[in-house]
PDB file of N, CA and C in Angstrom:
ATOM      1  N   THR A   1      16.241  -1.597  -0.263  1.00  0.00           N
ATOM      2  CA  THR A   1      15.980  -2.799   0.062  1.00  0.00           C
ATOM      3  C   THR A   1      14.484  -3.142   0.839  1.00  0.00           C
ATOM      4  N   VAL A   2      14.193  -4.116   0.155  1.00  0.00           N
ATOM      5  CA  VAL A   2      12.785  -4.004   1.077  1.00  0.00           C
ATOM      6  C   VAL A   2      13.070  -4.743   2.440  1.00  0.00           C
ATOM      7  N   ASP A   3      12.447  -4.559   3.751  1.00  0.00           N
ATOM      8  CA  ASP A   3      12.584  -5.644   4.654  1.00  0.00           C
ATOM      9  C   ASP A   3      12.606  -6.974   4.897  1.00  0.00           C
ATOM     10  N   ASP A   4      13.079  -8.022   4.713  1.00  0.00           N
ATOM     11  CA  ASP A   4      13.029  -9.568   4.731  1.00  0.00           C
ATOM     12  C   ASP A   4      11.513  -9.948   5.080  1.00  0.00           C
ATOM     13  N   GLY A   5      11.114  -9.432   6.665  1.00  0.00           N
ATOM     14  CA  GLY A   5      10.144  -9.711   7.280  1.00  0.00           C
ATOM     15  C   GLY A   5       8.733  -9.351   6.680  1.00  0.00           C
ATOM     16  N   VAL A   6       8.867  -7.752   6.136  1.00  0.00           N
ATOM     17  CA  VAL A   6       8.240  -6.874   5.073  1.00  0.00           C
ATOM     18  C   VAL A   6       7.566  -7.762   4.203  1.00  0.00           C
ATOM     19  N   ARG A   7       9.473  -8.075   3.324  1.00  0.00           N
ATOM     20  CA  ARG A   7       8.912  -9.034   2.398  1.00  0.00           C
ATOM     21  C   ARG A   7       7.644  -9.908   2.309  1.00  0.00           C
ATOM     22  N   GLU A   8       8.172 -10.943   2.866  1.00  0.00           N
ATOM     23  CA  GLU A   8       7.779 -12.050   3.644  1.00  0.00           C
ATOM     24  C   GLU A   8       6.328 -11.612   3.691  1.00  0.00           C
ATOM     25  N   ALA A   9       6.054 -11.162   4.344  1.00  0.00           N
ATOM     26  CA  ALA A   9       4.366 -10.515   5.040  1.00  0.00           C
ATOM     27  C   ALA A   9       3.480 -10.662   3.648  1.00  0.00           C
ATOM     28  N   ALA A  10       4.235  -9.806   2.914  1.00  0.00           N
ATOM     29  CA  ALA A  10       3.331  -9.530   1.764  1.00  0.00           C
ATOM     30  C   ALA A  10       3.073 -10.235   0.457  1.00  0.00           C
ATOM     31  N   VAL A  11       4.329 -11.619   0.831  1.00  0.00           N
ATOM     32  CA  VAL A  11       4.163 -12.234  -0.365  1.00  0.00           C
ATOM     33  C   VAL A  11       2.930 -13.068   0.080  1.00  0.00           C
ATOM     34  N   ALA A  12       3.253 -13.628   1.520  1.00  0.00           N
ATOM     35  CA  ALA A  12       2.124 -14.547   2.092  1.00  0.00           C
ATOM     36  C   ALA A  12       0.854 -14.245   1.760  1.00  0.00           C
ATOM     37  N   LEU A  13       1.221 -12.750   1.988  1.00  0.00           N
ATOM     38  CA  LEU A  13      -0.808 -11.890   1.907  1.00  0.00           C
ATOM     39  C   LEU A  13      -0.940 -12.066   0.835  1.00  0.00           C
ATOM     40  N   LEU A  14      -0.430 -11.882  -0.692  1.00  0.00           N
ATOM     41  CA  LEU A  14      -0.816 -11.605  -2.013  1.00  0.00           C
ATOM     42  C   LEU A  14      -1.351 -13.085  -2.022  1.00  0.00           C
ATOM     43  N   ARG A  15      -0.150 -14.576  -1.436  1.00  0.00           N
ATOM     44  CA  ARG A  15      -0.866 -16.031  -1.732  1.00  0.00           C
ATOM     45  C   ARG A  15      -1.834 -15.840  -1.180  1.00  0.00           C
ATOM     46  N   ALA A  16      -2.321 -15.803   0.023  1.00  0.00           N
ATOM     47  CA  ALA A  16      -2.962 -16.330   0.745  1.00  0.00           C
ATOM     48  C   ALA A  16      -4.284 -15.474  -0.173  1.00  0.00           C
ATOM     49  N   CYS A  17      -4.277 -14.126  -0.587  1.00  0.00           N
ATOM     50  CA  CYS A  17      -5.531 -13.582  -1.526  1.00  0.00           C
ATOM     51  C   CYS A  17      -5.876 -14.514  -2.871  1.00  0.00           C
ATOM     52  N   ALA A  18      -4.686 -14.822  -3.479  1.00  0.00           N
ATOM     53  CA  ALA A  18      -4.600 -16.071  -4.722  1.00  0.00           C
ATOM     54  C   ALA A  18      -5.571 -17.260  -4.587  1.00  0.00           C
ATOM     55  N   THR A  19      -4.761 -17.616  -3.507  1.00  0.00           N
ATOM     56  CA  THR A  19      -5.728 -19.220  -3.221  1.00  0.00           C
ATOM     57  C   THR A  19      -7.171 -18.835  -2.625  1.00  0.00           C
ATOM     58  N   SER A  20      -7.471 -17.414  -1.893  1.00  0.00           N
ATOM     59  CA  SER A  20      -8.603 -17.679  -1.475  1.00  0.00           C
ATOM     60  C   SER A  20      -9.790 -17.441  -1.811  1.00  0.00           C
ATOM     61  N   GLY A  21      -9.836 -17.443  -3.661  1.00  0.00           N
ATOM     62  CA  GLY A  21     -11.151 -17.154  -3.896  1.00  0.00           C
ATOM     63  C   GLY A  21     -11.456 -15.451  -4.048  1.00  0.00           C
ATOM     64  N   GLY A  22     -10.750 -14.727  -3.419  1.00  0.00           N
ATOM     65  CA  GLY A  22     -11.090 -13.278  -3.028  1.00  0.00           C
ATOM     66  C   GLY A  22     -11.498 -13.237  -2.157  1.00  0.00           C
ATOM     67  N   ALA A  23     -11.679 -13.933  -1.422  1.00  0.00           N
ATOM     68  CA  ALA A  23     -12.310 -13.598  -0.153  1.00  0.00           C
ATOM     69  C   ALA A  23     -11.327 -12.513   0.293  1.00  0.00           C
ATOM     70  N   PRO A  24     -11.923 -12.021   1.439  1.00  0.00           N
ATOM     71  CA  PRO A  24     -11.698 -10.065   1.568  1.00  0.00           C
ATOM     72  C   PRO A  24     -10.183 -10.478   2.461  1.00  0.00           C
ATOM     73  N   SER A  25      -9.437  -9.567   2.439  1.00  0.00           N
ATOM     74  CA  SER A  25      -8.655  -8.632   3.257  1.00  0.00           C
ATOM     75  C   SER A  25      -8.641  -8.093   4.606  1.00  0.00           C
ATOM     76  N   PRO A  26      -7.767  -8.427   5.544  1.00  0.00           N
ATOM     77  CA  PRO A  26      -8.156  -7.545   6.901  1.00  0.00           C
ATOM     78  C   PRO A  26      -8.213  -6.288   6.362  1.00  0.00           C
ATOM     79  N   ALA A  27      -8.065  -5.724   5.616  1.00  0.00           N
ATOM     80  CA  ALA A  27      -8.308  -3.997   5.237  1.00  0.00           C
ATOM     81  C   ALA A  27      -8.995  -3.564   4.121  1.00  0.00           C
ATOM     82  N   TYR A  28      -9.571  -2.799   4.196  1.00  0.00           N
ATOM     83  CA  TYR A  28     -10.651  -2.298   2.641  1.00  0.00           C
ATOM     84  C   TYR A  28     -10.820  -0.916   2.854  1.00  0.00           C
ATOM     85  N   ALA A  29     -11.436  -0.285   1.717  1.00  0.00           N
ATOM     86  CA  ALA A  29     -11.725   0.746   2.132  1.00  0.00           C
ATOM     87  C   ALA A  29     -13.108   0.934   2.174  1.00  0.00           C
ATOM     88  N   GLY A  30     -13.000   2.628   2.318  1.00  0.00           N
ATOM     89  CA  GLY A  30     -14.289   2.857   3.108  1.00  0.00           C
ATOM     90  C   GLY A  30     -14.443   4.075   3.108  1.00  0.00           C
ATOM     91  N   PRO A  31     -15.231   4.976   3.292  1.00  0.00           N
ATOM     92  CA  PRO A  31     -15.608   6.505   3.401  1.00  0.00           C
ATOM     93  C   PRO A  31     -14.877   7.053   4.666  1.00  0.00           C
ATOM     94  N   SER A  32     -14.204   8.392   4.179  1.00  0.00           N
ATOM     95  CA  SER A  32     -13.207   8.639   5.594  1.00  0.00           C
ATOM     96  C   SER A  32     -13.812   9.155   6.852  1.00  0.00           C
ATOM     97  N   THR A  33     -13.213   8.968   8.047  1.00  0.00           N
ATOM     98  CA  THR A  33     -13.531   9.492   8.939  1.00  0.00           C
ATOM     99  C   THR A  33     -12.717  10.810   9.071  1.00  0.00           C
ATOM    100  N   VAL A  34     -12.186  11.386   8.179  1.00  0.00           N
ATOM    101  CA  VAL A  34     -11.415  12.612   8.649  1.00  0.00           C
ATOM    102  C   VAL A  34     -12.552  13.466   8.283  1.00  0.00           C
ATOM    103  N   ALA A  35     -12.563  14.871   8.611  1.00  0.00           N
ATOM    104  CA  ALA A  35     -12.873  15.627   8.301  1.00  0.00           C
ATOM    105  C   ALA A  35     -13.020  16.281   6.443  1.00  0.00           C
ATOM    106  N   ASP A  36     -13.473  16.366   5.375  1.00  0.00           N
ATOM    107  CA  ASP A  36     -13.748  16.370   4.270  1.00  0.00           C
ATOM    108  C   ASP A  36     -12.060  15.483   3.519  1.00  0.00           C
ATOM    109  N   GLY A  37     -12.243  14.034   4.073  1.00  0.00           N
ATOM    110  CA  GLY A  37     -11.712  13.182   3.664  1.00  0.00           C
ATOM    111  C   GLY A  37     -12.658  12.527   2.441  1.00  0.00           C
ATOM    112  N   GLN A  38     -12.060  11.817   1.551  1.00  0.00           N
ATOM    113  CA  GLN A  38     -12.502  11.099   0.460  1.00  0.00           C
ATOM    114  C   GLN A  38     -12.497   9.688   0.919  1.00  0.00           C
ATOM    115  N   ARG A  39     -11.384   9.354   0.636  1.00  0.00           N
ATOM    116  CA  ARG A  39     -11.779   7.742   1.226  1.00  0.00           C
ATOM    117  C   ARG A  39     -10.637   7.303   1.947  1.00  0.00           C
ATOM    118  N   GLY A  40     -11.004   6.207   2.910  1.00  0.00           N
ATOM    119  CA  GLY A  40     -10.035   5.920   4.036  1.00  0.00           C
ATOM    120  C   GLY A  40      -9.598   4.707   4.025  1.00  0.00           C
ATOM    121  N   ALA A  41      -8.676   3.924   4.824  1.00  0.00           N
ATOM    122  CA  ALA A  41      -8.136   2.428   4.950  1.00  0.00           C
ATOM    123  C   ALA A  41      -8.787   1.899   6.087  1.00  0.00           C
ATOM    124  N   PHE A  42      -8.755   0.926   6.222  1.00  0.00           N
ATOM    125  CA  PHE A  42      -9.783   0.269   7.715  1.00  0.00           C
ATOM    126  C   PHE A  42      -9.396  -1.226   7.696  1.00  0.00           C
ATOM    127  N   SER A  43      -9.060  -1.919   8.738  1.00  0.00           N
ATOM    128  CA  SER A  43      -9.154  -2.425   9.449  1.00  0.00           C
ATOM    129  C   SER A  43     -10.259  -3.779   9.967  1.00  0.00           C
ATOM    130  N   ARG A  44     -11.217  -4.581   9.179  1.00  0.00           N
ATOM    131  CA  ARG A  44     -11.922  -5.476   9.628  1.00  0.00           C
ATOM    132  C   ARG A  44     -12.283  -5.371  11.312  1.00  0.00           C
ATOM    133  N   ALA A  45     -10.599  -6.183  11.856  1.00  0.00           N
ATOM    134  CA  ALA A  45     -10.105  -6.784  12.751  1.00  0.00           C
ATOM    135  C   ALA A  45      -9.043  -6.117  13.585  1.00  0.00           C
ATOM    136  N   ALA A  46      -9.074  -6.261  15.032  1.00  0.00           N
ATOM    137  CA  ALA A  46      -7.861  -6.033  15.429  1.00  0.00           C
ATOM    138  C   ALA A  46      -6.883  -6.501  15.409  1.00  0.00           C
ATOM    139  N   ALA A  47      -5.034  -6.199  15.158  1.00  0.00           N
ATOM    140  CA  ALA A  47      -4.475  -6.510  14.768  1.00  0.00           C
ATOM    141  C   ALA A  47      -3.019  -6.620  15.505  1.00  0.00           C
ATOM    142  N   PRO A  48      -2.435  -7.171  15.792  1.00  0.00           N
ATOM    143  CA  PRO A  48      -1.057  -6.680  16.294  1.00  0.00           C
ATOM    144  C   PRO A  48      -0.086  -6.509  15.589  1.00  0.00           C
ATOM    145  N   ALA A  49       1.067  -5.392  16.428  1.00  0.00           N
ATOM    146  CA  ALA A  49       1.798  -4.999  15.884  1.00  0.00           C
ATOM    147  C   ALA A  49       2.649  -5.018  14.724  1.00  0.00           C
ATOM    148  N   GLY A  50       2.942  -4.701  13.468  1.00  0.00           N
ATOM    149  CA  GLY A  50       3.758  -4.894  12.841  1.00  0.00           C
ATOM    150  C   GLY A  50       3.257  -5.952  11.674  1.00  0.00           C
ATOM    151  N   ARG A  51       1.835  -5.901  11.575  1.00  0.00           N
ATOM    152  CA  ARG A  51       1.222  -7.463  10.827  1.00  0.00           C
ATOM    153  C   ARG A  51       0.752  -6.786   9.673  1.00  0.00           C
ATOM    154  N   VAL A  52       1.149  -7.102   8.230  1.00  0.00           N
ATOM    155  CA  VAL A  52       0.921  -6.473   7.298  1.00  0.00           C
ATOM    156  C   VAL A  52      -0.504  -6.706   7.167  1.00  0.00           C
ATOM    157  N   LEU A  53      -0.841  -5.344   6.638  1.00  0.00           N
ATOM    158  CA  LEU A  53      -2.616  -5.644   6.462  1.00  0.00           C
ATOM    159  C   LEU A  53      -3.497  -5.477   5.363  1.00  0.00           C
ATOM    160  N   ALA A  54      -1.960  -4.453   4.356  1.00  0.00           N
ATOM    161  CA  ALA A  54      -2.699  -4.330   3.274  1.00  0.00           C
ATOM    162  C   ALA A  54      -1.087  -3.606   2.210  1.00  0.00           C
ATOM    163  N   LEU A  55      -1.266  -3.411   1.223  1.00  0.00           N
ATOM    164  CA  LEU A  55      -0.028  -3.271   0.408  1.00  0.00           C
ATOM    165  C   LEU A  55      -1.060  -1.287  -0.320  1.00  0.00           C
ATOM    166  N   TYR A  56       0.435  -1.099  -0.589  1.00  0.00           N
ATOM    167  CA  TYR A  56       1.027   0.045  -1.296  1.00  0.00           C
ATOM    168  C   TYR A  56       0.527   0.470  -2.476  1.00  0.00           C
ATOM    169  N   PRO A  57      -0.054   0.379  -3.006  1.00  0.00           N
ATOM    170  CA  PRO A  57       0.021   0.332  -4.913  1.00  0.00           C
ATOM    171  C   PRO A  57       0.350   0.714  -6.230  1.00  0.00           C
ATOM    172  N   GLY A  58       0.788   1.192  -7.005  1.00  0.00           N
ATOM    173  CA  GLY A  58       1.829   1.804  -7.966  1.00  0.00           C
ATOM    174  C   GLY A  58       3.246   1.146  -8.385  1.00  0.00           C
ATOM    175  N   THR A  59       3.884   2.033  -8.316  1.00  0.00           N
ATOM    176  CA  THR A  59       5.144   2.419  -9.059  1.00  0.00           C
ATOM    177  C   THR A  59       6.190   2.103  -7.886  1.00  0.00           C
ATOM    178  N   VAL A  60       7.076   1.673  -8.167  1.00  0.00           N
ATOM    179  CA  VAL A  60       8.522   1.582  -6.775  1.00  0.00           C
ATOM    180  C   VAL A  60       9.256   2.199  -7.776  1.00  0.00           C
ATOM    181  N   HIS A  61      10.427   2.997  -7.515  1.00  0.00           N
ATOM    182  CA  HIS A  61      11.644   3.749  -7.805  1.00  0.00           C
ATOM    183  C   HIS A  61      12.984   3.454  -7.038  1.00  0.00           C
ATOM    184  N   SER A  62      14.026   3.374  -7.556  1.00  0.00           N
ATOM    185  CA  SER A  62      14.916   3.373  -6.716  1.00  0.00           C
ATOM    186  C   SER A  62      15.180   4.374  -6.460  1.00  0.00           C
ATOM    187  N   PRO A  63      16.308   4.840  -5.725  1.00  0.00           N
ATOM    188  CA  PRO A  63      16.989   6.340  -5.984  1.00  0.00           C
ATOM    189  C   PRO A  63      18.128   6.516  -7.499  1.00  0.00           C
ATOM    190  N   GLU A  64      18.406   5.309  -7.691  1.00  0.00           N
ATOM    191  CA  GLU A  64      19.328   5.689  -9.070  1.00  0.00           C
ATOM    192  C   GLU A  64      18.250   6.053 -10.255  1.00  0.00           C
ATOM    193  N   ASP A  65      17.036   5.028 -10.256  1.00  0.00           N
ATOM    194  CA  ASP A  65      15.668   5.640 -11.152  1.00  0.00           C
ATOM    195  C   ASP A  65      15.704   7.009 -11.878  1.00  0.00           C
ATOM    196  N   LEU A  66      15.792   7.756 -10.042  1.00  0.00           N
ATOM    197  CA  LEU A  66      15.465   9.001 -10.010  1.00  0.00           C
ATOM    198  C   LEU A  66      16.573   9.792 -10.707  1.00  0.00           C
ATOM    199  N   ARG A  67      17.524   9.764 -10.967  1.00  0.00           N
ATOM    200  CA  ARG A  67      18.876   9.898 -10.342  1.00  0.00           C
ATOM    201  C   ARG A  67      18.725  11.154 -11.852  1.00  0.00           C
ATOM    202  N   GLY A  68      18.150  12.464 -11.434  1.00  0.00           N
ATOM    203  CA  GLY A  68      18.579  13.330 -12.403  1.00  0.00           C
ATOM    204  C   GLY A  68      17.405  13.478 -13.457  1.00  0.00           C
ATOM    205  N   THR A  69      16.201  13.286 -12.178  1.00  0.00           N
ATOM    206  CA  THR A  69      15.041  13.131 -12.775  1.00  0.00           C
ATOM    207  C   THR A  69      14.510  13.971 -11.609  1.00  0.00           C
ATOM    208  N   ALA A  70      12.835  14.738 -11.785  1.00  0.00           N
ATOM    209  CA  ALA A  70      12.079  15.519 -10.221  1.00  0.00           C
ATOM    210  C   ALA A  70      11.647  13.787 -10.135  1.00  0.00           C
ATOM    211  N   ALA A  71      11.193  14.268  -8.686  1.00  0.00           N
ATOM    212  CA  ALA A  71      10.271  13.038  -8.558  1.00  0.00           C
ATOM    213  C   ALA A  71       9.027  13.466  -8.672  1.00  0.00           C
ATOM    214  N   PRO A  72       7.890  12.239  -8.313  1.00  0.00           N
ATOM    215  CA  PRO A  72       6.562  12.785  -8.991  1.00  0.00           C
ATOM    216  C   PRO A  72       5.976  13.530  -8.341  1.00  0.00           C
ATOM    217  N   LYS A  73       4.938  14.241  -9.108  1.00  0.00           N
ATOM    218  CA  LYS A  73       4.086  15.029  -8.024  1.00  0.00           C
ATOM    219  C   LYS A  73       2.740  14.539  -7.646  1.00  0.00           C
ATOM    220  N   ASN A  74       2.416  13.942  -6.832  1.00  0.00           N
ATOM    221  CA  ASN A  74       0.972  13.743  -6.499  1.00  0.00           C
ATOM    222  C   ASN A  74       1.076  13.688  -4.816  1.00  0.00           C
ATOM    223  N   SER A  75       0.174  13.901  -4.195  1.00  0.00           N
ATOM    224  CA  SER A  75      -0.555  13.263  -3.007  1.00  0.00           C
ATOM    225  C   SER A  75      -0.120  11.789  -2.634  1.00  0.00           C
ATOM    226  N   PHE A  76       0.220  10.818  -3.485  1.00  0.00           N
ATOM    227  CA  PHE A  76       0.229   9.901  -2.645  1.00  0.00           C
ATOM    228  C   PHE A  76       2.152   9.127  -3.525  1.00  0.00           C
ATOM    229  N   VAL A  77       2.899  10.348  -2.862  1.00  0.00           N
ATOM    230  CA  VAL A  77       4.265   9.809  -3.196  1.00  0.00           C
ATOM    231  C   VAL A  77       4.827   9.323  -1.774  1.00  0.00           C
ATOM    232  N   ALA A  78       5.586   8.508  -1.455  1.00  0.00           N
ATOM    233  CA  ALA A  78       6.071   8.238  -0.080  1.00  0.00           C
ATOM    234  C   ALA A  78       7.788   7.666  -0.690  1.00  0.00           C
ATOM    235  N   PHE A  79       8.222   8.271   0.530  1.00  0.00           N
ATOM    236  CA  PHE A  79      10.055   7.567   0.081  1.00  0.00           C
ATOM    237  C   PHE A  79      10.305   6.770   1.507  1.00  0.00           C
ATOM    238  N   ALA A  80      10.995   5.745   0.967  1.00  0.00           N
ATOM    239  CA  ALA A  80      11.049   5.065   2.027  1.00  0.00           C
ATOM    240  C   ALA A  80      12.517   4.881   3.004  1.00  0.00           C
ATOM    241  N   HIS A  81      12.736   4.739   3.907  1.00  0.00           N
ATOM    242  CA  HIS A  81      14.279   5.221   4.883  1.00  0.00           C
ATOM    243  C   HIS A  81      15.366   4.671   3.915  1.00  0.00           C
ATOM    244  N   ASP A  82      15.231   3.515   3.077  1.00  0.00           N
ATOM    245  CA  ASP A  82      15.929   3.359   2.170  1.00  0.00           C
ATOM    246  C   ASP A  82      16.343   3.972   0.909  1.00  0.00           C
ATOM    247  N   GLY A  83      15.943   4.865   0.500  1.00  0.00           N
ATOM    248  CA  GLY A  83      15.603   5.990  -0.663  1.00  0.00           C
ATOM    249  C   GLY A  83      15.042   5.753  -1.910  1.00  0.00           C
ATOM    250  N   MET A  84      13.854   4.450  -1.711  1.00  0.00           N
ATOM    251  CA  MET A  84      13.265   4.014  -2.480  1.00  0.00           C
ATOM    252  C   MET A  84      11.884   4.873  -2.340  1.00  0.00           C
ATOM    253  N   LEU A  85      11.934   4.717  -3.703  1.00  0.00           N
ATOM    254  CA  LEU A  85      10.085   5.961  -3.992  1.00  0.00           C
ATOM    255  C   LEU A  85       8.916   5.187  -4.872  1.00  0.00           C
ATOM    256  N   PHE A  86       7.914   5.251  -3.826  1.00  0.00           N
ATOM    257  CA  PHE A  86       6.679   4.311  -4.012  1.00  0.00           C
ATOM    258  C   PHE A  86       5.598   5.479  -4.069  1.00  0.00           C
ATOM    259  N   ASP A  87       5.441   5.637  -5.690  1.00  0.00           N
ATOM    260  CA  ASP A  87       4.262   6.189  -6.535  1.00  0.00           C
ATOM    261  C   ASP A  87       2.756   5.606  -6.394  1.00  0.00           C
ATOM    262  N   GLY A  88       1.928   6.358  -5.197  1.00  0.00           N
ATOM    263  CA  GLY A  88       1.124   5.534  -5.547  1.00  0.00           C
ATOM    264  C   GLY A  88      -0.441   6.441  -6.325  1.00  0.00           C
ATOM    265  N   GLY A  89       0.012   6.931  -7.062  1.00  0.00           N
ATOM    266  CA  GLY A  89      -0.382   7.963  -7.850  1.00  0.00           C
ATOM    267  C   GLY A  89      -0.082   7.137  -9.271  1.00  0.00           C
ATOM    268  N   THR A  90       0.318   6.538  -9.432  1.00  0.00           N
ATOM    269  CA  THR A  90       0.378   5.780 -10.525  1.00  0.00           C
ATOM    270  C   THR A  90      -0.472   4.415 -10.596  1.00  0.00           C
ATOM    271  N   ARG A  91      -1.523   3.586  -9.430  1.00  0.00           N
ATOM    272  CA  ARG A  91      -2.424   2.657  -9.317  1.00  0.00           C
ATOM    273  C   ARG A  91      -3.485   2.789  -9.939  1.00  0.00           C
ATOM    274  N   ALA A  92      -3.760   3.533 -11.227  1.00  0.00           N
ATOM    275  CA  ALA A  92      -4.836   3.658 -12.002  1.00  0.00           C
ATOM    276  C   ALA A  92      -5.405   2.239 -12.948  1.00  0.00           C
ATOM    277  N   GLY A  93      -4.418   1.477 -12.510  1.00  0.00           N
ATOM    278  CA  GLY A  93      -4.390  -0.041 -13.627  1.00  0.00           C
ATOM    279  C   GLY A  93      -4.805  -1.069 -12.955  1.00  0.00           C
ATOM    280  N   CYS A  94      -4.473  -0.876 -11.168  1.00  0.00           N
ATOM    281  CA  CYS A  94      -4.435  -1.972 -10.419  1.00  0.00           C
ATOM    282  C   CYS A  94      -6.051  -2.321  -9.777  1.00  0.00           C
ATOM    283  N   ARG A  95      -5.386  -4.032 -10.380  1.00  0.00           N
ATOM    284  CA  ARG A  95      -6.724  -4.704  -9.800  1.00  0.00           C
ATOM    285  C   ARG A  95      -6.202  -5.533  -8.875  1.00  0.00           C
ATOM    286  N   ASP A  96      -7.033  -5.768  -8.177  1.00  0.00           N
ATOM    287  CA  ASP A  96      -7.050  -5.532  -6.259  1.00  0.00           C
ATOM    288  C   ASP A  96      -8.609  -6.738  -6.524  1.00  0.00           C
ATOM    289  N   ALA A  97      -8.500  -8.183  -6.446  1.00  0.00           N
ATOM    290  CA  ALA A  97      -9.714  -8.680  -5.992  1.00  0.00           C
ATOM    291  C   ALA A  97     -10.539  -8.771  -4.152  1.00  0.00           C
ATOM    292  N   CYS A  98      -9.291  -8.493  -4.286  1.00  0.00           N
ATOM    293  CA  CYS A  98      -8.989  -8.879  -2.693  1.00  0.00           C
ATOM    294  C   CYS A  98      -9.212  -7.832  -1.948  1.00  0.00           C
ATOM    295  N   GLY A  99      -9.154  -6.350  -2.215  1.00  0.00           N
ATOM    296  CA  GLY A  99      -8.866  -5.690  -1.650  1.00  0.00           C
ATOM    297  C   GLY A  99      -7.628  -5.030  -0.504  1.00  0.00           C
ATOM    298  N   ILE A 100      -6.649  -5.570  -1.166  1.00  0.00           N
ATOM    299  CA  ILE A 100      -5.427  -5.597  -0.057  1.00  0.00           C
ATOM    300  C   ILE A 100      -4.364  -4.487  -0.243  1.00  0.00           C
ATOM    301  N   ALA A 101      -4.859  -3.818  -1.849  1.00  0.00           N
ATOM    302  CA  ALA A 101      -4.373  -2.786  -2.514  1.00  0.00           C
ATOM    303  C   ALA A 101      -4.812  -1.222  -1.998  1.00  0.00           C
ATOM    304  N   VAL A 102      -5.021  -1.372  -0.665  1.00  0.00           N
ATOM    305  CA  VAL A 102      -5.238  -0.032  -0.018  1.00  0.00           C
ATOM    306  C   VAL A 102      -4.511   0.933   0.842  1.00  0.00           C
ATOM    307  N   GLY A 103      -3.349   0.716   0.423  1.00  0.00           N
ATOM    308  CA  GLY A 103      -2.241   1.045   1.377  1.00  0.00           C
ATOM    309  C   GLY A 103      -2.205   2.965   1.113  1.00  0.00           C
ATOM    310  N   HIS A 104      -2.313   2.927   0.278  1.00  0.00           N
ATOM    311  CA  HIS A 104      -2.336   4.464   0.302  1.00  0.00           C
ATOM    312  C   HIS A 104      -3.185   5.688   0.845  1.00  0.00           C
ATOM    313  N   LEU A 105      -4.213   5.085   1.390  1.00  0.00           N
ATOM    314  CA  LEU A 105      -5.232   5.588   1.633  1.00  0.00           C
ATOM    315  C   LEU A 105      -4.994   5.787   3.801  1.00  0.00           C
ATOM    316  N   VAL A 106      -4.255   5.276   4.293  1.00  0.00           N
ATOM    317  CA  VAL A 106      -3.857   4.737   5.225  1.00  0.00           C
ATOM    318  C   VAL A 106      -3.334   6.921   5.377  1.00  0.00           C
ATOM    319  N   ASN A 107      -3.820   7.073   6.308  1.00  0.00           N
ATOM    320  CA  ASN A 107      -3.520   8.632   7.036  1.00  0.00           C
ATOM    321  C   ASN A 107      -2.603   8.375   7.696  1.00  0.00           C
ATOM    322  N   HIS A 108      -1.254   9.255   7.801  1.00  0.00           N
ATOM    323  CA  HIS A 108       0.165   9.033   8.830  1.00  0.00           C
ATOM    324  C   HIS A 108       0.166  10.541   9.150  1.00  0.00           C
ATOM    325  N   PRO A 109       1.101  10.611  10.082  1.00  0.00           N
ATOM    326  CA  PRO A 109       1.192  12.467  10.178  1.00  0.00           C
ATOM    327  C   PRO A 109       2.297  13.180   9.525  1.00  0.00           C
TER     328      PRO A 109
END
């Protein structure tokens, strides 16, 4: 289950995008600053801790969806603490006028 606060923030971000006529989001994709990197996600301004800046595009699978099957094999797979799997490798058809679908480009340890 997605935390209610995160869900509300994501919905608010999508609504703002839909009503802004395509105004840019707080996050954007650009050339990576990591050695040998391709693209990265950046923020246009400072943001307080906990603020939702971008969405992770792709397909979401529940643990039940994956029972008896292998997890997708690509570098954009992430597991959530509740067992949900986010497959950012399926974002090929993602259309994003505001640029909020850059969560798969965020570097993390």
